[in-house]
Amino acid sequence: MEQVMRIVGDVLIVAGVIFMLFGVAGMFRFNCFYKRLLISAKIDTVGLLTLIFGLAFRHGVSFFSGKILLIMVILLILNPLVSHLIVRSAYLAGHEVETSTHKNEDSES
């Protein structure tokens, strides 16, 4: 049983790292501040929570897993909240929202 928990934990850890790698690639793909912030919020929430859940699953039922699950709950509450506050403060500071998805090269000249 312990061997199965380790394997499932390792799979979850690898899945979390893969989510993070795709998120970092997405951050380089987009050039708008708000889109990049959306992707970084997804990296924090999905990638890090999957990685932490894999660590807790790998260690089984222990005091360490309890602490990690407490950190997961805190991250689940705070990550979306902090991302919202960053976007809201940028919007209120006057950072413009990019409305068009395709830029016309003729309009720049």
PDB file of N, CA and C in Angstrom:
ATOM      1  N   MET A   1       0.833  -1.208   0.000  1.00  0.00           N
ATOM      2  CA  MET A   1       0.000   0.000   0.000  1.00  0.00           C
ATOM      3  C   MET A   1       0.868   1.259   0.000  1.00  0.00           C
ATOM      4  N   GLU A   2       1.954   1.201   0.757  1.00  0.00           N
ATOM      5  CA  GLU A   2       2.839   2.367   0.825  1.00  0.00           C
ATOM      6  C   GLU A   2       3.502   2.632  -0.520  1.00  0.00           C
ATOM      7  N   GLN A   3       3.807   1.559  -1.246  1.00  0.00           N
ATOM      8  CA  GLN A   3       4.426   1.706  -2.557  1.00  0.00           C
ATOM      9  C   GLN A   3       3.451   2.371  -3.542  1.00  0.00           C
ATOM     10  N   VAL A   4       2.177   2.013  -3.462  1.00  0.00           N
ATOM     11  CA  VAL A   4       1.167   2.609  -4.351  1.00  0.00           C
ATOM     12  C   VAL A   4       1.012   4.096  -4.036  1.00  0.00           C
ATOM     13  N   MET A   5       1.024   4.461  -2.753  1.00  0.00           N
ATOM     14  CA  MET A   5       0.900   5.875  -2.380  1.00  0.00           C
ATOM     15  C   MET A   5       2.094   6.672  -2.880  1.00  0.00           C
ATOM     16  N   ARG A   6       3.284   6.071  -2.842  1.00  0.00           N
ATOM     17  CA  ARG A   6       4.461   6.767  -3.363  1.00  0.00           C
ATOM     18  C   ARG A   6       4.362   6.988  -4.866  1.00  0.00           C
ATOM     19  N   ILE A   7       3.883   5.979  -5.581  1.00  0.00           N
ATOM     20  CA  ILE A   7       3.761   6.098  -7.033  1.00  0.00           C
ATOM     21  C   ILE A   7       2.721   7.156  -7.397  1.00  0.00           C
ATOM     22  N   VAL A   8       1.579   7.132  -6.737  1.00  0.00           N
ATOM     23  CA  VAL A   8       0.535   8.137  -7.002  1.00  0.00           C
ATOM     24  C   VAL A   8       1.053   9.530  -6.638  1.00  0.00           C
ATOM     25  N   GLY A   9       1.782   9.641  -5.526  1.00  0.00           N
ATOM     26  CA  GLY A   9       2.372  10.921  -5.142  1.00  0.00           C
ATOM     27  C   GLY A   9       3.359  11.425  -6.171  1.00  0.00           C
ATOM     28  N   ASP A  10       4.189  10.508  -6.692  1.00  0.00           N
ATOM     29  CA  ASP A  10       5.156  10.904  -7.727  1.00  0.00           C
ATOM     30  C   ASP A  10       4.454  11.356  -9.005  1.00  0.00           C
ATOM     31  N   VAL A  11       3.373  10.666  -9.380  1.00  0.00           N
ATOM     32  CA  VAL A  11       2.621  11.060 -10.575  1.00  0.00           C
ATOM     33  C   VAL A  11       2.016  12.445 -10.386  1.00  0.00           C
ATOM     34  N   LEU A  12       1.477  12.716  -9.205  1.00  0.00           N
ATOM     35  CA  LEU A  12       0.899  14.043  -8.946  1.00  0.00           C
ATOM     36  C   LEU A  12       1.973  15.130  -8.939  1.00  0.00           C
ATOM     37  N   ILE A  13       3.137  14.823  -8.412  1.00  0.00           N
ATOM     38  CA  ILE A  13       4.237  15.798  -8.406  1.00  0.00           C
ATOM     39  C   ILE A  13       4.665  16.110  -9.837  1.00  0.00           C
ATOM     40  N   VAL A  14       4.815  15.073 -10.659  1.00  0.00           N
ATOM     41  CA  VAL A  14       5.195  15.286 -12.062  1.00  0.00           C
ATOM     42  C   VAL A  14       4.104  16.065 -12.799  1.00  0.00           C
ATOM     43  N   ALA A  15       2.836  15.751 -12.530  1.00  0.00           N
ATOM     44  CA  ALA A  15       1.739  16.486 -13.166  1.00  0.00           C
ATOM     45  C   ALA A  15       1.771  17.959 -12.764  1.00  0.00           C
ATOM     46  N   GLY A  16       2.063  18.251 -11.502  1.00  0.00           N
ATOM     47  CA  GLY A  16       2.169  19.638 -11.053  1.00  0.00           C
ATOM     48  C   GLY A  16       3.292  20.381 -11.745  1.00  0.00           C
ATOM     49  N   VAL A  17       4.422  19.713 -11.912  1.00  0.00           N
ATOM     50  CA  VAL A  17       5.556  20.349 -12.601  1.00  0.00           C
ATOM     51  C   VAL A  17       5.210  20.585 -14.073  1.00  0.00           C
ATOM     52  N   ILE A  18       4.500  19.634 -14.694  1.00  0.00           N
ATOM     53  CA  ILE A  18       4.103  19.810 -16.097  1.00  0.00           C
ATOM     54  C   ILE A  18       3.120  20.970 -16.235  1.00  0.00           C
ATOM     55  N   PHE A  19       2.156  21.089 -15.307  1.00  0.00           N
ATOM     56  CA  PHE A  19       1.246  22.246 -15.320  1.00  0.00           C
ATOM     57  C   PHE A  19       2.036  23.548 -15.227  1.00  0.00           C
ATOM     58  N   MET A  20       3.033  23.566 -14.368  1.00  0.00           N
ATOM     59  CA  MET A  20       3.835  24.784 -14.205  1.00  0.00           C
ATOM     60  C   MET A  20       4.631  25.100 -15.462  1.00  0.00           C
ATOM     61  N   LEU A  21       5.193  24.083 -16.109  1.00  0.00           N
ATOM     62  CA  LEU A  21       5.956  24.314 -17.337  1.00  0.00           C
ATOM     63  C   LEU A  21       5.065  24.852 -18.454  1.00  0.00           C
ATOM     64  N   PHE A  22       3.859  24.284 -18.595  1.00  0.00           N
ATOM     65  CA  PHE A  22       2.932  24.807 -19.599  1.00  0.00           C
ATOM     66  C   PHE A  22       2.519  26.235 -19.259  1.00  0.00           C
ATOM     67  N   GLY A  23       2.372  26.529 -17.998  1.00  0.00           N
ATOM     68  CA  GLY A  23       2.018  27.884 -17.590  1.00  0.00           C
ATOM     69  C   GLY A  23       3.111  28.889 -17.895  1.00  0.00           C
ATOM     70  N   VAL A  24       4.357  28.492 -17.668  1.00  0.00           N
ATOM     71  CA  VAL A  24       5.479  29.387 -17.975  1.00  0.00           C
ATOM     72  C   VAL A  24       5.560  29.615 -19.484  1.00  0.00           C
ATOM     73  N   ALA A  25       5.323  28.567 -20.272  1.00  0.00           N
ATOM     74  CA  ALA A  25       5.303  28.739 -21.730  1.00  0.00           C
ATOM     75  C   ALA A  25       4.164  29.671 -22.143  1.00  0.00           C
ATOM     76  N   GLY A  26       3.030  29.583 -21.466  1.00  0.00           N
ATOM     77  CA  GLY A  26       1.917  30.476 -21.750  1.00  0.00           C
ATOM     78  C   GLY A  26       2.226  31.917 -21.391  1.00  0.00           C
ATOM     79  N   MET A  27       3.015  32.114 -20.347  1.00  0.00           N
ATOM     80  CA  MET A  27       3.387  33.488 -19.978  1.00  0.00           C
ATOM     81  C   MET A  27       4.259  34.126 -21.044  1.00  0.00           C
ATOM     82  N   PHE A  28       5.120  33.330 -21.680  1.00  0.00           N
ATOM     83  CA  PHE A  28       5.950  33.876 -22.754  1.00  0.00           C
ATOM     84  C   PHE A  28       5.159  34.078 -24.039  1.00  0.00           C
ATOM     85  N   ARG A  29       4.071  33.348 -24.199  1.00  0.00           N
ATOM     86  CA  ARG A  29       3.273  33.449 -25.410  1.00  0.00           C
ATOM     87  C   ARG A  29       2.476  34.742 -25.454  1.00  0.00           C
ATOM     88  N   PHE A  30       1.914  35.158 -24.336  1.00  0.00           N
ATOM     89  CA  PHE A  30       1.060  36.342 -24.305  1.00  0.00           C
ATOM     90  C   PHE A  30       1.893  37.585 -24.007  1.00  0.00           C
ATOM     91  N   ASN A  31       1.464  38.713 -24.557  1.00  0.00           N
ATOM     92  CA  ASN A  31       2.202  39.954 -24.316  1.00  0.00           C
ATOM     93  C   ASN A  31       1.398  40.970 -23.513  1.00  0.00           C
ATOM     94  N   CYS A  32       0.127  40.698 -23.254  1.00  0.00           N
ATOM     95  CA  CYS A  32      -0.706  41.606 -22.477  1.00  0.00           C
ATOM     96  C   CYS A  32      -0.511  41.327 -20.980  1.00  0.00           C
ATOM     97  N   PHE A  33      -0.436  42.372 -20.194  1.00  0.00           N
ATOM     98  CA  PHE A  33      -0.218  42.245 -18.753  1.00  0.00           C
ATOM     99  C   PHE A  33      -1.304  41.408 -18.092  1.00  0.00           C
ATOM    100  N   TYR A  34      -2.545  41.649 -18.454  1.00  0.00           N
ATOM    101  CA  TYR A  34      -3.664  40.963 -17.815  1.00  0.00           C
ATOM    102  C   TYR A  34      -3.702  39.477 -18.178  1.00  0.00           C
ATOM    103  N   LYS A  35      -3.372  39.155 -19.414  1.00  0.00           N
ATOM    104  CA  LYS A  35      -3.321  37.750 -19.817  1.00  0.00           C
ATOM    105  C   LYS A  35      -2.195  37.021 -19.092  1.00  0.00           C
ATOM    106  N   ARG A  36      -1.059  37.680 -18.972  1.00  0.00           N
ATOM    107  CA  ARG A  36       0.059  37.067 -18.249  1.00  0.00           C
ATOM    108  C   ARG A  36      -0.274  36.851 -16.779  1.00  0.00           C
ATOM    109  N   LEU A  37      -0.972  37.780 -16.198  1.00  0.00           N
ATOM    110  CA  LEU A  37      -1.355  37.631 -14.798  1.00  0.00           C
ATOM    111  C   LEU A  37      -2.357  36.497 -14.618  1.00  0.00           C
ATOM    112  N   LEU A  38      -3.266  36.334 -15.581  1.00  0.00           N
ATOM    113  CA  LEU A  38      -4.207  35.223 -15.527  1.00  0.00           C
ATOM    114  C   LEU A  38      -3.468  33.887 -15.573  1.00  0.00           C
ATOM    115  N   ILE A  39      -2.493  33.785 -16.456  1.00  0.00           N
ATOM    116  CA  ILE A  39      -1.715  32.553 -16.567  1.00  0.00           C
ATOM    117  C   ILE A  39      -0.910  32.306 -15.294  1.00  0.00           C
ATOM    118  N   SER A  40      -0.311  33.346 -14.740  1.00  0.00           N
ATOM    119  CA  SER A  40       0.471  33.147 -13.514  1.00  0.00           C
ATOM    120  C   SER A  40      -0.414  32.738 -12.345  1.00  0.00           C
ATOM    121  N   ALA A  41      -1.646  33.217 -12.316  1.00  0.00           N
ATOM    122  CA  ALA A  41      -2.575  32.791 -11.267  1.00  0.00           C
ATOM    123  C   ALA A  41      -2.921  31.319 -11.428  1.00  0.00           C
ATOM    124  N   LYS A  42      -3.056  30.864 -12.662  1.00  0.00           N
ATOM    125  CA  LYS A  42      -3.333  29.448 -12.904  1.00  0.00           C
ATOM    126  C   LYS A  42      -2.136  28.588 -12.513  1.00  0.00           C
ATOM    127  N   ILE A  43      -0.929  29.081 -12.782  1.00  0.00           N
ATOM    128  CA  ILE A  43       0.264  28.335 -12.384  1.00  0.00           C
ATOM    129  C   ILE A  43       0.274  28.160 -10.872  1.00  0.00           C
ATOM    130  N   ASP A  44       0.022  29.234 -10.155  1.00  0.00           N
ATOM    131  CA  ASP A  44       0.019  29.166  -8.695  1.00  0.00           C
ATOM    132  C   ASP A  44      -1.049  28.223  -8.175  1.00  0.00           C
ATOM    133  N   THR A  45      -2.247  28.380  -8.690  1.00  0.00           N
ATOM    134  CA  THR A  45      -3.362  27.624  -8.134  1.00  0.00           C
ATOM    135  C   THR A  45      -3.314  26.157  -8.543  1.00  0.00           C
ATOM    136  N   VAL A  46      -3.266  25.883  -9.836  1.00  0.00           N
ATOM    137  CA  VAL A  46      -3.345  24.494 -10.299  1.00  0.00           C
ATOM    138  C   VAL A  46      -2.018  23.762 -10.114  1.00  0.00           C
ATOM    139  N   GLY A  47      -0.942  24.349 -10.591  1.00  0.00           N
ATOM    140  CA  GLY A  47       0.348  23.672 -10.545  1.00  0.00           C
ATOM    141  C   GLY A  47       0.859  23.440  -9.136  1.00  0.00           C
ATOM    142  N   LEU A  48       0.863  24.491  -8.341  1.00  0.00           N
ATOM    143  CA  LEU A  48       1.403  24.369  -6.989  1.00  0.00           C
ATOM    144  C   LEU A  48       0.532  23.495  -6.100  1.00  0.00           C
ATOM    145  N   LEU A  49      -0.783  23.602  -6.235  1.00  0.00           N
ATOM    146  CA  LEU A  49      -1.663  22.759  -5.422  1.00  0.00           C
ATOM    147  C   LEU A  49      -1.536  21.284  -5.801  1.00  0.00           C
ATOM    148  N   THR A  50      -1.379  20.989  -7.094  1.00  0.00           N
ATOM    149  CA  THR A  50      -1.168  19.601  -7.506  1.00  0.00           C
ATOM    150  C   THR A  50       0.155  19.075  -6.970  1.00  0.00           C
ATOM    151  N   LEU A  51       1.180  19.889  -7.037  1.00  0.00           N
ATOM    152  CA  LEU A  51       2.494  19.492  -6.521  1.00  0.00           C
ATOM    153  C   LEU A  51       2.436  19.256  -5.014  1.00  0.00           C
ATOM    154  N   ILE A  52       1.818  20.144  -4.290  1.00  0.00           N
ATOM    155  CA  ILE A  52       1.728  19.998  -2.830  1.00  0.00           C
ATOM    156  C   ILE A  52       0.865  18.800  -2.454  1.00  0.00           C
ATOM    157  N   PHE A  53      -0.230  18.581  -3.192  1.00  0.00           N
ATOM    158  CA  PHE A  53      -1.073  17.417  -2.914  1.00  0.00           C
ATOM    159  C   PHE A  53      -0.296  16.126  -3.162  1.00  0.00           C
ATOM    160  N   GLY A  54       0.553  16.117  -4.189  1.00  0.00           N
ATOM    161  CA  GLY A  54       1.410  14.957  -4.445  1.00  0.00           C
ATOM    162  C   GLY A  54       2.383  14.716  -3.309  1.00  0.00           C
ATOM    163  N   LEU A  55       2.939  15.787  -2.752  1.00  0.00           N
ATOM    164  CA  LEU A  55       3.839  15.635  -1.596  1.00  0.00           C
ATOM    165  C   LEU A  55       3.109  15.072  -0.388  1.00  0.00           C
ATOM    166  N   ALA A  56       1.920  15.569  -0.142  1.00  0.00           N
ATOM    167  CA  ALA A  56       1.132  15.069   0.993  1.00  0.00           C
ATOM    168  C   ALA A  56       0.738  13.611   0.777  1.00  0.00           C
ATOM    169  N   PHE A  57       0.390  13.260  -0.442  1.00  0.00           N
ATOM    170  CA  PHE A  57      -0.005  11.887  -0.742  1.00  0.00           C
ATOM    171  C   PHE A  57       1.184  10.943  -0.626  1.00  0.00           C
ATOM    172  N   ARG A  58       2.345  11.409  -1.026  1.00  0.00           N
ATOM    173  CA  ARG A  58       3.555  10.579  -0.984  1.00  0.00           C
ATOM    174  C   ARG A  58       3.969  10.254   0.449  1.00  0.00           C
ATOM    175  N   HIS A  59       3.773  11.189   1.357  1.00  0.00           N
ATOM    176  CA  HIS A  59       4.199  10.983   2.744  1.00  0.00           C
ATOM    177  C   HIS A  59       3.150  10.265   3.585  1.00  0.00           C
ATOM    178  N   GLY A  60       1.976  10.010   3.021  1.00  0.00           N
ATOM    179  CA  GLY A  60       0.947   9.281   3.761  1.00  0.00           C
ATOM    180  C   GLY A  60       0.351  10.128   4.876  1.00  0.00           C
ATOM    181  N   VAL A  61      -0.289   9.460   5.818  1.00  0.00           N
ATOM    182  CA  VAL A  61      -0.922  10.149   6.940  1.00  0.00           C
ATOM    183  C   VAL A  61       0.147  10.411   8.002  1.00  0.00           C
ATOM    184  N   SER A  62       0.502  11.674   8.148  1.00  0.00           N
ATOM    185  CA  SER A  62       1.513  12.051   9.137  1.00  0.00           C
ATOM    186  C   SER A  62       1.310  13.516   9.518  1.00  0.00           C
ATOM    187  N   PHE A  63       2.084  13.970  10.472  1.00  0.00           N
ATOM    188  CA  PHE A  63       2.019  15.367  10.887  1.00  0.00           C
ATOM    189  C   PHE A  63       2.466  16.282   9.748  1.00  0.00           C
ATOM    190  N   PHE A  64       3.470  15.824   8.991  1.00  0.00           N
ATOM    191  CA  PHE A  64       3.969  16.574   7.841  1.00  0.00           C
ATOM    192  C   PHE A  64       2.866  16.775   6.807  1.00  0.00           C
ATOM    193  N   SER A  65       2.100  15.728   6.523  1.00  0.00           N
ATOM    194  CA  SER A  65       1.000  15.826   5.555  1.00  0.00           C
ATOM    195  C   SER A  65      -0.083  16.772   6.050  1.00  0.00           C
ATOM    196  N   GLY A  66      -0.327  16.779   7.332  1.00  0.00           N
ATOM    197  CA  GLY A  66      -1.308  17.710   7.888  1.00  0.00           C
ATOM    198  C   GLY A  66      -0.895  19.158   7.687  1.00  0.00           C
ATOM    199  N   LYS A  67       0.386  19.420   7.916  1.00  0.00           N
ATOM    200  CA  LYS A  67       0.886  20.786   7.700  1.00  0.00           C
ATOM    201  C   LYS A  67       0.802  21.167   6.229  1.00  0.00           C
ATOM    202  N   ILE A  68       1.125  20.241   5.353  1.00  0.00           N
ATOM    203  CA  ILE A  68       1.074  20.528   3.923  1.00  0.00           C
ATOM    204  C   ILE A  68      -0.370  20.761   3.478  1.00  0.00           C
ATOM    205  N   LEU A  69      -1.305  19.989   3.990  1.00  0.00           N
ATOM    206  CA  LEU A  69      -2.708  20.199   3.630  1.00  0.00           C
ATOM    207  C   LEU A  69      -3.221  21.536   4.155  1.00  0.00           C
ATOM    208  N   LEU A  70      -2.731  21.969   5.304  1.00  0.00           N
ATOM    209  CA  LEU A  70      -3.084  23.289   5.818  1.00  0.00           C
ATOM    210  C   LEU A  70      -2.544  24.385   4.900  1.00  0.00           C
ATOM    211  N   ILE A  71      -1.334  24.210   4.409  1.00  0.00           N
ATOM    212  CA  ILE A  71      -0.760  25.156   3.449  1.00  0.00           C
ATOM    213  C   ILE A  71      -1.582  25.164   2.165  1.00  0.00           C
ATOM    214  N   MET A  72      -2.058  23.987   1.732  1.00  0.00           N
ATOM    215  CA  MET A  72      -2.905  23.907   0.540  1.00  0.00           C
ATOM    216  C   MET A  72      -4.182  24.720   0.695  1.00  0.00           C
ATOM    217  N   VAL A  73      -4.806  24.618   1.855  1.00  0.00           N
ATOM    218  CA  VAL A  73      -6.043  25.362   2.096  1.00  0.00           C
ATOM    219  C   VAL A  73      -5.772  26.869   2.076  1.00  0.00           C
ATOM    220  N   ILE A  74      -4.682  27.271   2.693  1.00  0.00           N
ATOM    221  CA  ILE A  74      -4.324  28.692   2.709  1.00  0.00           C
ATOM    222  C   ILE A  74      -4.058  29.187   1.287  1.00  0.00           C
ATOM    223  N   LEU A  75      -3.321  28.396   0.490  1.00  0.00           N
ATOM    224  CA  LEU A  75      -3.041  28.776  -0.899  1.00  0.00           C
ATOM    225  C   LEU A  75      -4.310  28.826  -1.734  1.00  0.00           C
ATOM    226  N   LEU A  76      -5.207  27.886  -1.502  1.00  0.00           N
ATOM    227  CA  LEU A  76      -6.451  27.850  -2.260  1.00  0.00           C
ATOM    228  C   LEU A  76      -7.299  29.084  -2.005  1.00  0.00           C
ATOM    229  N   ILE A  77      -7.220  29.620  -0.809  1.00  0.00           N
ATOM    230  CA  ILE A  77      -7.980  30.830  -0.478  1.00  0.00           C
ATOM    231  C   ILE A  77      -7.246  32.084  -0.937  1.00  0.00           C
ATOM    232  N   LEU A  78      -5.943  32.157  -0.697  1.00  0.00           N
ATOM    233  CA  LEU A  78      -5.213  33.403  -0.924  1.00  0.00           C
ATOM    234  C   LEU A  78      -4.772  33.649  -2.365  1.00  0.00           C
ATOM    235  N   ASN A  79      -4.442  32.611  -3.127  1.00  0.00           N
ATOM    236  CA  ASN A  79      -3.944  32.838  -4.491  1.00  0.00           C
ATOM    237  C   ASN A  79      -4.932  33.584  -5.381  1.00  0.00           C
ATOM    238  N   PRO A  80      -6.183  33.166  -5.492  1.00  0.00           N
ATOM    239  CA  PRO A  80      -7.111  33.939  -6.324  1.00  0.00           C
ATOM    240  C   PRO A  80      -7.364  35.348  -5.777  1.00  0.00           C
ATOM    241  N   LEU A  81      -7.361  35.475  -4.476  1.00  0.00           N
ATOM    242  CA  LEU A  81      -7.594  36.781  -3.863  1.00  0.00           C
ATOM    243  C   LEU A  81      -6.463  37.759  -4.182  1.00  0.00           C
ATOM    244  N   VAL A  82      -5.238  37.299  -4.055  1.00  0.00           N
ATOM    245  CA  VAL A  82      -4.090  38.162  -4.331  1.00  0.00           C
ATOM    246  C   VAL A  82      -4.021  38.509  -5.810  1.00  0.00           C
ATOM    247  N   SER A  83      -4.308  37.548  -6.674  1.00  0.00           N
ATOM    248  CA  SER A  83      -4.314  37.828  -8.115  1.00  0.00           C
ATOM    249  C   SER A  83      -5.362  38.884  -8.460  1.00  0.00           C
ATOM    250  N   HIS A  84      -6.532  38.781  -7.848  1.00  0.00           N
ATOM    251  CA  HIS A  84      -7.577  39.771  -8.077  1.00  0.00           C
ATOM    252  C   HIS A  84      -7.127  41.154  -7.605  1.00  0.00           C
ATOM    253  N   LEU A  85      -6.490  41.218  -6.459  1.00  0.00           N
ATOM    254  CA  LEU A  85      -6.034  42.515  -5.951  1.00  0.00           C
ATOM    255  C   LEU A  85      -4.966  43.136  -6.847  1.00  0.00           C
ATOM    256  N   ILE A  86      -4.080  42.322  -7.398  1.00  0.00           N
ATOM    257  CA  ILE A  86      -3.050  42.852  -8.298  1.00  0.00           C
ATOM    258  C   ILE A  86      -3.688  43.398  -9.566  1.00  0.00           C
ATOM    259  N   VAL A  87      -4.632  42.654 -10.148  1.00  0.00           N
ATOM    260  CA  VAL A  87      -5.299  43.113 -11.363  1.00  0.00           C
ATOM    261  C   VAL A  87      -6.104  44.374 -11.093  1.00  0.00           C
ATOM    262  N   ARG A  88      -6.801  44.405  -9.994  1.00  0.00           N
ATOM    263  CA  ARG A  88      -7.631  45.568  -9.665  1.00  0.00           C
ATOM    264  C   ARG A  88      -6.778  46.808  -9.443  1.00  0.00           C
ATOM    265  N   SER A  89      -5.667  46.654  -8.746  1.00  0.00           N
ATOM    266  CA  SER A  89      -4.809  47.819  -8.512  1.00  0.00           C
ATOM    267  C   SER A  89      -4.166  48.306  -9.809  1.00  0.00           C
ATOM    268  N   ALA A  90      -3.828  47.383 -10.715  1.00  0.00           N
ATOM    269  CA  ALA A  90      -3.276  47.794 -12.007  1.00  0.00           C
ATOM    270  C   ALA A  90      -4.330  48.526 -12.830  1.00  0.00           C
ATOM    271  N   TYR A  91      -5.560  48.031 -12.785  1.00  0.00           N
ATOM    272  CA  TYR A  91      -6.646  48.669 -13.527  1.00  0.00           C
ATOM    273  C   TYR A  91      -6.942  50.061 -12.970  1.00  0.00           C
ATOM    274  N   LEU A  92      -6.985  50.175 -11.654  1.00  0.00           N
ATOM    275  CA  LEU A  92      -7.261  51.480 -11.041  1.00  0.00           C
ATOM    276  C   LEU A  92      -6.105  52.454 -11.229  1.00  0.00           C
ATOM    277  N   ALA A  93      -4.893  51.936 -11.399  1.00  0.00           N
ATOM    278  CA  ALA A  93      -3.738  52.802 -11.634  1.00  0.00           C
ATOM    279  C   ALA A  93      -3.672  53.291 -13.080  1.00  0.00           C
ATOM    280  N   GLY A  94      -4.558  52.760 -13.924  1.00  0.00           N
ATOM    281  CA  GLY A  94      -4.603  53.248 -15.290  1.00  0.00           C
ATOM    282  C   GLY A  94      -3.933  52.356 -16.310  1.00  0.00           C
ATOM    283  N   HIS A  95      -3.552  51.157 -15.919  1.00  0.00           N
ATOM    284  CA  HIS A  95      -2.947  50.234 -16.888  1.00  0.00           C
ATOM    285  C   HIS A  95      -4.025  49.814 -17.869  1.00  0.00           C
ATOM    286  N   GLU A  96      -3.804  50.073 -19.155  1.00  0.00           N
ATOM    287  CA  GLU A  96      -4.837  49.870 -20.162  1.00  0.00           C
ATOM    288  C   GLU A  96      -5.052  48.398 -20.473  1.00  0.00           C
ATOM    289  N   VAL A  97      -6.311  48.074 -20.724  1.00  0.00           N
ATOM    290  CA  VAL A  97      -6.685  46.725 -21.117  1.00  0.00           C
ATOM    291  C   VAL A  97      -6.602  46.636 -22.627  1.00  0.00           C
ATOM    292  N   GLU A  98      -5.926  45.618 -23.122  1.00  0.00           N
ATOM    293  CA  GLU A  98      -5.818  45.416 -24.566  1.00  0.00           C
ATOM    294  C   GLU A  98      -7.124  44.810 -25.051  1.00  0.00           C
ATOM    295  N   THR A  99      -7.839  45.537 -25.917  1.00  0.00           N
ATOM    296  CA  THR A  99      -9.163  45.076 -26.332  1.00  0.00           C
ATOM    297  C   THR A  99      -9.135  44.242 -27.600  1.00  0.00           C
ATOM    298  N   SER A 100      -8.242  44.512 -28.527  1.00  0.00           N
ATOM    299  CA  SER A 100      -8.214  43.742 -29.774  1.00  0.00           C
ATOM    300  C   SER A 100      -7.186  42.625 -29.663  1.00  0.00           C
ATOM    301  N   THR A 101      -7.502  41.504 -30.296  1.00  0.00           N
ATOM    302  CA  THR A 101      -6.572  40.379 -30.254  1.00  0.00           C
ATOM    303  C   THR A 101      -5.588  40.416 -31.408  1.00  0.00           C
ATOM    304  N   HIS A 102      -5.948  41.086 -32.502  1.00  0.00           N
ATOM    305  CA  HIS A 102      -5.060  41.184 -33.658  1.00  0.00           C
ATOM    306  C   HIS A 102      -4.671  42.638 -33.861  1.00  0.00           C
ATOM    307  N   LYS A 103      -3.379  42.879 -33.951  1.00  0.00           N
ATOM    308  CA  LYS A 103      -2.910  44.241 -34.190  1.00  0.00           C
ATOM    309  C   LYS A 103      -2.732  44.466 -35.684  1.00  0.00           C
ATOM    310  N   ASN A 104      -3.209  45.583 -36.143  1.00  0.00           N
ATOM    311  CA  ASN A 104      -3.080  45.949 -37.539  1.00  0.00           C
ATOM    312  C   ASN A 104      -1.762  46.695 -37.718  1.00  0.00           C
ATOM    313  N   GLU A 105      -0.878  46.155 -38.561  1.00  0.00           N
ATOM    314  CA  GLU A 105       0.432  46.771 -38.740  1.00  0.00           C
ATOM    315  C   GLU A 105       0.346  48.097 -39.474  1.00  0.00           C
ATOM    316  N   ASP A 106      -0.704  48.302 -40.295  1.00  0.00           N
ATOM    317  CA  ASP A 106      -0.855  49.545 -41.040  1.00  0.00           C
ATOM    318  C   ASP A 106      -1.182  50.728 -40.138  1.00  0.00           C
ATOM    319  N   SER A 107      -1.853  50.479 -39.032  1.00  0.00           N
ATOM    320  CA  SER A 107      -2.266  51.575 -38.163  1.00  0.00           C
ATOM    321  C   SER A 107      -1.101  52.138 -37.348  1.00  0.00           C
ATOM    322  N   GLU A 108       0.018  51.411 -37.294  1.00  0.00           N
ATOM    323  CA  GLU A 108       1.155  51.894 -36.520  1.00  0.00           C
ATOM    324  C   GLU A 108       1.943  52.965 -37.269  1.00  0.00           C
ATOM    325  N   SER A 109       1.879  52.998 -38.589  1.00  0.00           N
ATOM    326  CA  SER A 109       2.676  53.964 -39.352  1.00  0.00           C
ATOM    327  C   SER A 109       1.978  55.277 -39.556  1.00  0.00           C
TER     328      SER A 109
END
